[in-house]
Amino acid sequence: MNTLARAVRFNVVGAGGVAVQLGALWLLADVARISYLIATPIAVGLAVAHNFLWHRRWTWEDRAGAIGVAAAFVRFAAANGAVSLAGNLGVMATLVSGAHVTPVVANGVAIGVCGLLNFWLGDTLVFRRDAT
C-alpha cells in the first residue's frame, strides 16, 4: 500500500479516535465534573485502544501479521500512546489554564498537534515492515 493511501486510512481511523476521545473527555469533564487533568489521560487511553485495533485491522493490515497483538499493542502504547498522552496533557494544561480555552477545544488542538508524529511512529516503529 502506498503512503498516501495509508495516510488516508490513518486519518479515517484517527477521526473515529477523535470522536472517542472528545466524547469521553466531554462526559468525564463536563458531565461528571472530573478535573480535565484526570479526564484527559482516561480519554486518551480509550482513543489509543480504539486506534490500535483499527490501525492493526485496516491501516497497517498488510503488516499486522508480522508481530503478535500483545507486542504490537505494547509498541503502540509506548510510542503513539506516550506521544498522545504527553502532547495532550501539555497542550491541554497550556491552553486551559493559560489561555482559558475549554477542555474539549484544547483537546482538539492537542490531537492535531500529535497526529503527524503518531503517523510516522506507527509507520516506522509500531507496524514497520520488519516488525518480526
N, C-alpha and C. Protein backbone atom coordinates (compact mmCIF):
# COMPACT_ATOMS: atom_id res chain seq x y z
N MET A 1 0.84 -1.17 0.00
CA MET A 1 0.00 0.00 0.00
C MET A 1 0.89 1.24 0.00
N ASN A 2 0.53 2.23 -0.78
CA ASN A 2 1.36 3.44 -0.83
C ASN A 2 1.10 4.34 0.39
N THR A 3 1.99 5.26 0.61
CA THR A 3 1.95 6.12 1.80
C THR A 3 0.70 6.99 1.83
N LEU A 4 0.28 7.51 0.69
CA LEU A 4 -0.92 8.35 0.66
C LEU A 4 -2.16 7.57 1.08
N ALA A 5 -2.33 6.37 0.52
CA ALA A 5 -3.49 5.55 0.89
C ALA A 5 -3.46 5.21 2.38
N ARG A 6 -2.26 4.91 2.88
CA ARG A 6 -2.13 4.58 4.30
C ARG A 6 -2.44 5.81 5.16
N ALA A 7 -1.99 6.98 4.72
CA ALA A 7 -2.26 8.21 5.46
C ALA A 7 -3.76 8.51 5.50
N VAL A 8 -4.45 8.25 4.40
CA VAL A 8 -5.90 8.45 4.38
C VAL A 8 -6.57 7.52 5.39
N ARG A 9 -6.18 6.25 5.38
CA ARG A 9 -6.74 5.30 6.34
C ARG A 9 -6.42 5.72 7.78
N PHE A 10 -5.18 6.17 8.00
CA PHE A 10 -4.76 6.63 9.32
C PHE A 10 -5.69 7.75 9.80
N ASN A 11 -6.00 8.68 8.91
CA ASN A 11 -6.84 9.82 9.29
C ASN A 11 -8.30 9.42 9.48
N VAL A 12 -8.79 8.44 8.73
CA VAL A 12 -10.15 7.95 8.94
C VAL A 12 -10.26 7.30 10.32
N VAL A 13 -9.29 6.44 10.64
CA VAL A 13 -9.27 5.82 11.96
C VAL A 13 -9.11 6.90 13.03
N GLY A 14 -8.21 7.84 12.76
CA GLY A 14 -7.99 8.93 13.71
C GLY A 14 -9.24 9.74 13.99
N ALA A 15 -10.07 9.95 12.96
CA ALA A 15 -11.32 10.68 13.16
C ALA A 15 -12.23 9.93 14.13
N GLY A 16 -12.26 8.61 14.01
CA GLY A 16 -13.02 7.82 14.98
C GLY A 16 -12.43 7.94 16.38
N GLY A 17 -11.11 7.94 16.44
CA GLY A 17 -10.44 8.11 17.73
C GLY A 17 -10.70 9.48 18.34
N VAL A 18 -10.76 10.50 17.49
CA VAL A 18 -11.09 11.84 17.96
C VAL A 18 -12.48 11.84 18.59
N ALA A 19 -13.43 11.19 17.92
CA ALA A 19 -14.79 11.13 18.45
C ALA A 19 -14.81 10.41 19.80
N VAL A 20 -14.07 9.30 19.90
CA VAL A 20 -13.98 8.57 21.17
C VAL A 20 -13.36 9.46 22.24
N GLN A 21 -12.24 10.09 21.91
CA GLN A 21 -11.52 10.90 22.90
C GLN A 21 -12.32 12.12 23.34
N LEU A 22 -12.85 12.88 22.38
CA LEU A 22 -13.59 14.09 22.75
C LEU A 22 -14.90 13.74 23.46
N GLY A 23 -15.55 12.66 23.02
CA GLY A 23 -16.77 12.24 23.70
C GLY A 23 -16.51 11.83 25.13
N ALA A 24 -15.45 11.05 25.34
CA ALA A 24 -15.09 10.63 26.69
C ALA A 24 -14.68 11.83 27.55
N LEU A 25 -13.91 12.74 26.96
CA LEU A 25 -13.49 13.93 27.71
C LEU A 25 -14.71 14.77 28.10
N TRP A 26 -15.62 14.96 27.17
CA TRP A 26 -16.82 15.74 27.46
C TRP A 26 -17.63 15.08 28.59
N LEU A 27 -17.84 13.75 28.48
CA LEU A 27 -18.60 13.06 29.51
C LEU A 27 -17.92 13.16 30.88
N LEU A 28 -16.61 12.97 30.89
CA LEU A 28 -15.89 12.99 32.17
C LEU A 28 -15.74 14.40 32.74
N ALA A 29 -15.31 15.35 31.91
CA ALA A 29 -15.02 16.70 32.41
C ALA A 29 -16.27 17.56 32.56
N ASP A 30 -17.13 17.54 31.54
CA ASP A 30 -18.29 18.44 31.57
C ASP A 30 -19.50 17.83 32.28
N VAL A 31 -19.76 16.57 32.04
CA VAL A 31 -20.94 15.94 32.64
C VAL A 31 -20.64 15.45 34.06
N ALA A 32 -19.58 14.66 34.21
CA ALA A 32 -19.24 14.11 35.53
C ALA A 32 -18.45 15.08 36.39
N ARG A 33 -17.99 16.18 35.81
CA ARG A 33 -17.23 17.23 36.54
C ARG A 33 -15.93 16.72 37.15
N ILE A 34 -15.27 15.81 36.41
CA ILE A 34 -13.95 15.33 36.81
C ILE A 34 -12.93 16.32 36.25
N SER A 35 -11.87 16.60 36.97
CA SER A 35 -10.84 17.52 36.50
C SER A 35 -10.33 17.10 35.13
N TYR A 36 -10.12 18.07 34.24
CA TYR A 36 -9.63 17.76 32.90
C TYR A 36 -8.26 17.09 32.95
N LEU A 37 -7.48 17.32 33.99
CA LEU A 37 -6.17 16.68 34.12
C LEU A 37 -6.29 15.20 34.47
N ILE A 38 -7.40 14.78 35.02
CA ILE A 38 -7.67 13.36 35.26
C ILE A 38 -8.43 12.77 34.07
N ALA A 39 -9.39 13.53 33.55
CA ALA A 39 -10.22 13.05 32.44
C ALA A 39 -9.41 12.86 31.16
N THR A 40 -8.42 13.72 30.92
CA THR A 40 -7.65 13.65 29.67
C THR A 40 -6.92 12.32 29.50
N PRO A 41 -6.14 11.83 30.48
CA PRO A 41 -5.47 10.55 30.26
C PRO A 41 -6.44 9.38 30.08
N ILE A 42 -7.59 9.43 30.72
CA ILE A 42 -8.59 8.37 30.54
C ILE A 42 -9.11 8.42 29.10
N ALA A 43 -9.46 9.61 28.63
CA ALA A 43 -9.97 9.78 27.27
C ALA A 43 -8.91 9.39 26.24
N VAL A 44 -7.68 9.78 26.47
CA VAL A 44 -6.59 9.42 25.56
C VAL A 44 -6.41 7.90 25.54
N GLY A 45 -6.46 7.27 26.69
CA GLY A 45 -6.31 5.81 26.75
C GLY A 45 -7.39 5.08 25.96
N LEU A 46 -8.61 5.56 26.04
CA LEU A 46 -9.70 4.95 25.26
C LEU A 46 -9.46 5.14 23.77
N ALA A 47 -9.02 6.33 23.38
CA ALA A 47 -8.74 6.59 21.96
C ALA A 47 -7.55 5.77 21.47
N VAL A 48 -6.53 5.59 22.28
CA VAL A 48 -5.37 4.79 21.91
C VAL A 48 -5.80 3.34 21.65
N ALA A 49 -6.62 2.79 22.53
CA ALA A 49 -7.10 1.41 22.34
C ALA A 49 -7.94 1.30 21.07
N HIS A 50 -8.83 2.24 20.86
CA HIS A 50 -9.65 2.27 19.63
C HIS A 50 -8.76 2.32 18.40
N ASN A 51 -7.83 3.26 18.39
CA ASN A 51 -6.97 3.45 17.22
C ASN A 51 -6.08 2.24 16.95
N PHE A 52 -5.55 1.65 18.00
CA PHE A 52 -4.71 0.47 17.81
C PHE A 52 -5.49 -0.63 17.09
N LEU A 53 -6.67 -0.92 17.59
CA LEU A 53 -7.46 -2.00 16.99
C LEU A 53 -7.74 -1.75 15.52
N TRP A 54 -8.12 -0.53 15.16
CA TRP A 54 -8.44 -0.23 13.76
C TRP A 54 -7.20 -0.09 12.89
N HIS A 55 -6.12 0.46 13.45
CA HIS A 55 -4.89 0.55 12.65
C HIS A 55 -4.35 -0.84 12.34
N ARG A 56 -4.39 -1.71 13.32
CA ARG A 56 -3.91 -3.08 13.09
C ARG A 56 -4.80 -3.81 12.09
N ARG A 57 -6.09 -3.61 12.17
CA ARG A 57 -7.04 -4.31 11.31
C ARG A 57 -7.15 -3.70 9.91
N TRP A 58 -6.88 -2.39 9.77
CA TRP A 58 -7.16 -1.73 8.49
C TRP A 58 -5.98 -0.92 7.96
N THR A 59 -5.46 0.03 8.74
CA THR A 59 -4.41 0.93 8.24
C THR A 59 -3.14 0.16 7.87
N TRP A 60 -2.70 -0.72 8.75
CA TRP A 60 -1.48 -1.50 8.52
C TRP A 60 -1.80 -2.98 8.46
N GLU A 61 -2.95 -3.34 7.88
CA GLU A 61 -3.35 -4.75 7.82
C GLU A 61 -2.33 -5.62 7.09
N ASP A 62 -1.63 -5.02 6.12
CA ASP A 62 -0.64 -5.78 5.36
C ASP A 62 0.61 -6.10 6.18
N ARG A 63 0.79 -5.45 7.31
CA ARG A 63 1.95 -5.70 8.17
C ARG A 63 1.56 -6.30 9.51
N ALA A 64 0.28 -6.42 9.79
CA ALA A 64 -0.19 -6.80 11.13
C ALA A 64 0.25 -8.20 11.54
N GLY A 65 0.42 -9.11 10.59
CA GLY A 65 0.79 -10.47 10.95
C GLY A 65 2.25 -10.65 11.31
N ALA A 66 3.06 -9.62 11.08
CA ALA A 66 4.49 -9.72 11.33
C ALA A 66 4.84 -9.70 12.82
N ILE A 67 3.90 -9.27 13.65
CA ILE A 67 4.16 -9.17 15.09
C ILE A 67 2.87 -9.52 15.82
N GLY A 68 2.98 -10.16 16.95
CA GLY A 68 1.81 -10.54 17.73
C GLY A 68 1.03 -9.34 18.24
N VAL A 69 -0.22 -9.56 18.57
CA VAL A 69 -1.10 -8.49 19.02
C VAL A 69 -0.55 -7.82 20.28
N ALA A 70 -0.13 -8.61 21.26
CA ALA A 70 0.36 -8.04 22.52
C ALA A 70 1.61 -7.19 22.30
N ALA A 71 2.55 -7.71 21.53
CA ALA A 71 3.79 -6.96 21.26
C ALA A 71 3.48 -5.69 20.47
N ALA A 72 2.58 -5.78 19.51
CA ALA A 72 2.21 -4.59 18.73
C ALA A 72 1.53 -3.56 19.61
N PHE A 73 0.66 -4.00 20.52
CA PHE A 73 0.00 -3.04 21.40
C PHE A 73 0.99 -2.37 22.34
N VAL A 74 1.96 -3.13 22.84
CA VAL A 74 2.99 -2.53 23.71
C VAL A 74 3.74 -1.46 22.93
N ARG A 75 4.14 -1.76 21.70
CA ARG A 75 4.82 -0.75 20.87
C ARG A 75 3.94 0.46 20.63
N PHE A 76 2.67 0.21 20.30
CA PHE A 76 1.74 1.30 20.01
C PHE A 76 1.53 2.17 21.24
N ALA A 77 1.32 1.55 22.39
CA ALA A 77 1.12 2.31 23.62
C ALA A 77 2.37 3.09 24.00
N ALA A 78 3.55 2.46 23.83
CA ALA A 78 4.81 3.13 24.19
C ALA A 78 5.13 4.29 23.24
N ALA A 79 4.77 4.16 21.98
CA ALA A 79 5.08 5.20 21.00
C ALA A 79 3.91 6.17 20.87
N ASN A 80 2.85 5.74 20.22
CA ASN A 80 1.72 6.62 19.97
C ASN A 80 1.00 7.03 21.25
N GLY A 81 0.85 6.10 22.15
CA GLY A 81 0.18 6.41 23.41
C GLY A 81 0.94 7.44 24.22
N ALA A 82 2.26 7.27 24.30
CA ALA A 82 3.08 8.21 25.07
C ALA A 82 3.06 9.60 24.44
N VAL A 83 3.18 9.67 23.11
CA VAL A 83 3.12 10.96 22.43
C VAL A 83 1.76 11.61 22.65
N SER A 84 0.71 10.82 22.50
CA SER A 84 -0.64 11.36 22.68
C SER A 84 -0.88 11.84 24.10
N LEU A 85 -0.46 11.06 25.07
CA LEU A 85 -0.66 11.44 26.46
C LEU A 85 0.14 12.68 26.82
N ALA A 86 1.42 12.67 26.53
CA ALA A 86 2.27 13.83 26.87
C ALA A 86 1.83 15.07 26.09
N GLY A 87 1.59 14.89 24.80
CA GLY A 87 1.16 16.03 23.98
C GLY A 87 -0.17 16.59 24.42
N ASN A 88 -1.11 15.70 24.70
CA ASN A 88 -2.43 16.16 25.13
C ASN A 88 -2.37 16.87 26.47
N LEU A 89 -1.66 16.29 27.43
CA LEU A 89 -1.58 16.93 28.75
C LEU A 89 -0.85 18.27 28.67
N GLY A 90 0.23 18.33 27.89
CA GLY A 90 0.97 19.58 27.77
C GLY A 90 0.17 20.68 27.10
N VAL A 91 -0.45 20.35 25.98
CA VAL A 91 -1.25 21.35 25.27
C VAL A 91 -2.48 21.72 26.08
N MET A 92 -3.12 20.72 26.69
CA MET A 92 -4.32 20.99 27.49
C MET A 92 -4.00 21.93 28.66
N ALA A 93 -2.95 21.62 29.39
CA ALA A 93 -2.59 22.47 30.53
C ALA A 93 -2.30 23.89 30.09
N THR A 94 -1.59 24.02 28.97
CA THR A 94 -1.25 25.34 28.46
C THR A 94 -2.49 26.11 28.02
N LEU A 95 -3.33 25.47 27.23
CA LEU A 95 -4.50 26.17 26.68
C LEU A 95 -5.61 26.38 27.71
N VAL A 96 -5.87 25.38 28.55
CA VAL A 96 -6.97 25.52 29.51
C VAL A 96 -6.57 26.46 30.64
N SER A 97 -5.43 26.21 31.25
CA SER A 97 -5.01 27.05 32.38
C SER A 97 -4.48 28.40 31.93
N GLY A 98 -3.71 28.40 30.85
CA GLY A 98 -3.08 29.66 30.42
C GLY A 98 -3.96 30.53 29.56
N ALA A 99 -4.63 29.95 28.58
CA ALA A 99 -5.42 30.74 27.63
C ALA A 99 -6.93 30.65 27.90
N HIS A 100 -7.32 29.87 28.90
CA HIS A 100 -8.72 29.73 29.30
C HIS A 100 -9.62 29.21 28.17
N VAL A 101 -9.07 28.29 27.39
CA VAL A 101 -9.82 27.61 26.34
C VAL A 101 -10.56 26.45 26.99
N THR A 102 -11.74 26.11 26.49
CA THR A 102 -12.47 24.98 27.07
C THR A 102 -11.69 23.68 26.84
N PRO A 103 -11.83 22.70 27.74
CA PRO A 103 -11.08 21.45 27.60
C PRO A 103 -11.31 20.73 26.27
N VAL A 104 -12.53 20.70 25.77
CA VAL A 104 -12.80 19.97 24.53
C VAL A 104 -12.12 20.65 23.34
N VAL A 105 -12.16 21.98 23.28
CA VAL A 105 -11.49 22.70 22.19
C VAL A 105 -9.98 22.53 22.31
N ALA A 106 -9.44 22.66 23.51
CA ALA A 106 -8.00 22.48 23.73
C ALA A 106 -7.58 21.07 23.35
N ASN A 107 -8.41 20.09 23.63
CA ASN A 107 -8.09 18.71 23.28
C ASN A 107 -8.08 18.51 21.78
N GLY A 108 -8.97 19.17 21.07
CA GLY A 108 -8.96 19.11 19.61
C GLY A 108 -7.66 19.64 19.03
N VAL A 109 -7.16 20.73 19.58
CA VAL A 109 -5.87 21.29 19.16
C VAL A 109 -4.75 20.29 19.45
N ALA A 110 -4.77 19.71 20.64
CA ALA A 110 -3.74 18.75 21.03
C ALA A 110 -3.71 17.54 20.11
N ILE A 111 -4.88 17.06 19.72
CA ILE A 111 -4.96 15.92 18.81
C ILE A 111 -4.30 16.25 17.48
N GLY A 112 -4.57 17.42 16.97
CA GLY A 112 -3.96 17.84 15.71
C GLY A 112 -2.45 17.93 15.80
N VAL A 113 -1.96 18.45 16.90
CA VAL A 113 -0.52 18.60 17.10
C VAL A 113 0.17 17.24 17.11
N CYS A 114 -0.45 16.24 17.71
CA CYS A 114 0.16 14.92 17.86
C CYS A 114 0.00 14.03 16.62
N GLY A 115 -0.92 14.33 15.74
CA GLY A 115 -1.28 13.45 14.63
C GLY A 115 -0.14 13.08 13.69
N LEU A 116 0.60 14.07 13.22
CA LEU A 116 1.68 13.78 12.26
C LEU A 116 2.76 12.90 12.86
N LEU A 117 3.15 13.20 14.07
CA LEU A 117 4.16 12.39 14.74
C LEU A 117 3.66 10.96 14.95
N ASN A 118 2.40 10.82 15.29
CA ASN A 118 1.84 9.48 15.51
C ASN A 118 1.79 8.66 14.23
N PHE A 119 1.50 9.29 13.08
CA PHE A 119 1.52 8.54 11.82
C PHE A 119 2.94 8.02 11.55
N TRP A 120 3.92 8.88 11.70
CA TRP A 120 5.30 8.49 11.46
C TRP A 120 5.71 7.36 12.40
N LEU A 121 5.37 7.47 13.68
CA LEU A 121 5.71 6.41 14.64
C LEU A 121 5.02 5.09 14.30
N GLY A 122 3.76 5.16 13.90
CA GLY A 122 3.04 3.94 13.52
C GLY A 122 3.67 3.26 12.33
N ASP A 123 4.07 4.06 11.35
CA ASP A 123 4.62 3.51 10.11
C ASP A 123 6.05 3.01 10.27
N THR A 124 6.85 3.70 11.06
CA THR A 124 8.27 3.34 11.14
C THR A 124 8.64 2.49 12.36
N LEU A 125 7.81 2.50 13.40
CA LEU A 125 8.15 1.77 14.61
C LEU A 125 7.15 0.65 14.92
N VAL A 126 5.91 1.01 15.06
CA VAL A 126 4.91 0.04 15.54
C VAL A 126 4.61 -1.03 14.49
N PHE A 127 4.25 -0.60 13.29
CA PHE A 127 3.88 -1.54 12.23
C PHE A 127 4.91 -1.55 11.11
N ARG A 128 6.17 -1.41 11.45
CA ARG A 128 7.23 -1.38 10.44
C ARG A 128 7.27 -2.69 9.66
N ARG A 129 7.83 -2.61 8.48
CA ARG A 129 7.86 -3.77 7.59
C ARG A 129 8.60 -4.96 8.19
N ASP A 130 9.65 -4.70 8.93
CA ASP A 130 10.44 -5.79 9.53
C ASP A 130 10.08 -5.96 11.00
N ALA A 131 8.81 -5.95 11.31
CA ALA A 131 8.34 -5.96 12.71
C ALA A 131 8.57 -7.29 13.44
N THR A 132 9.24 -8.22 12.84
CA THR A 132 9.46 -9.51 13.50
C THR A 132 10.45 -9.44 14.60
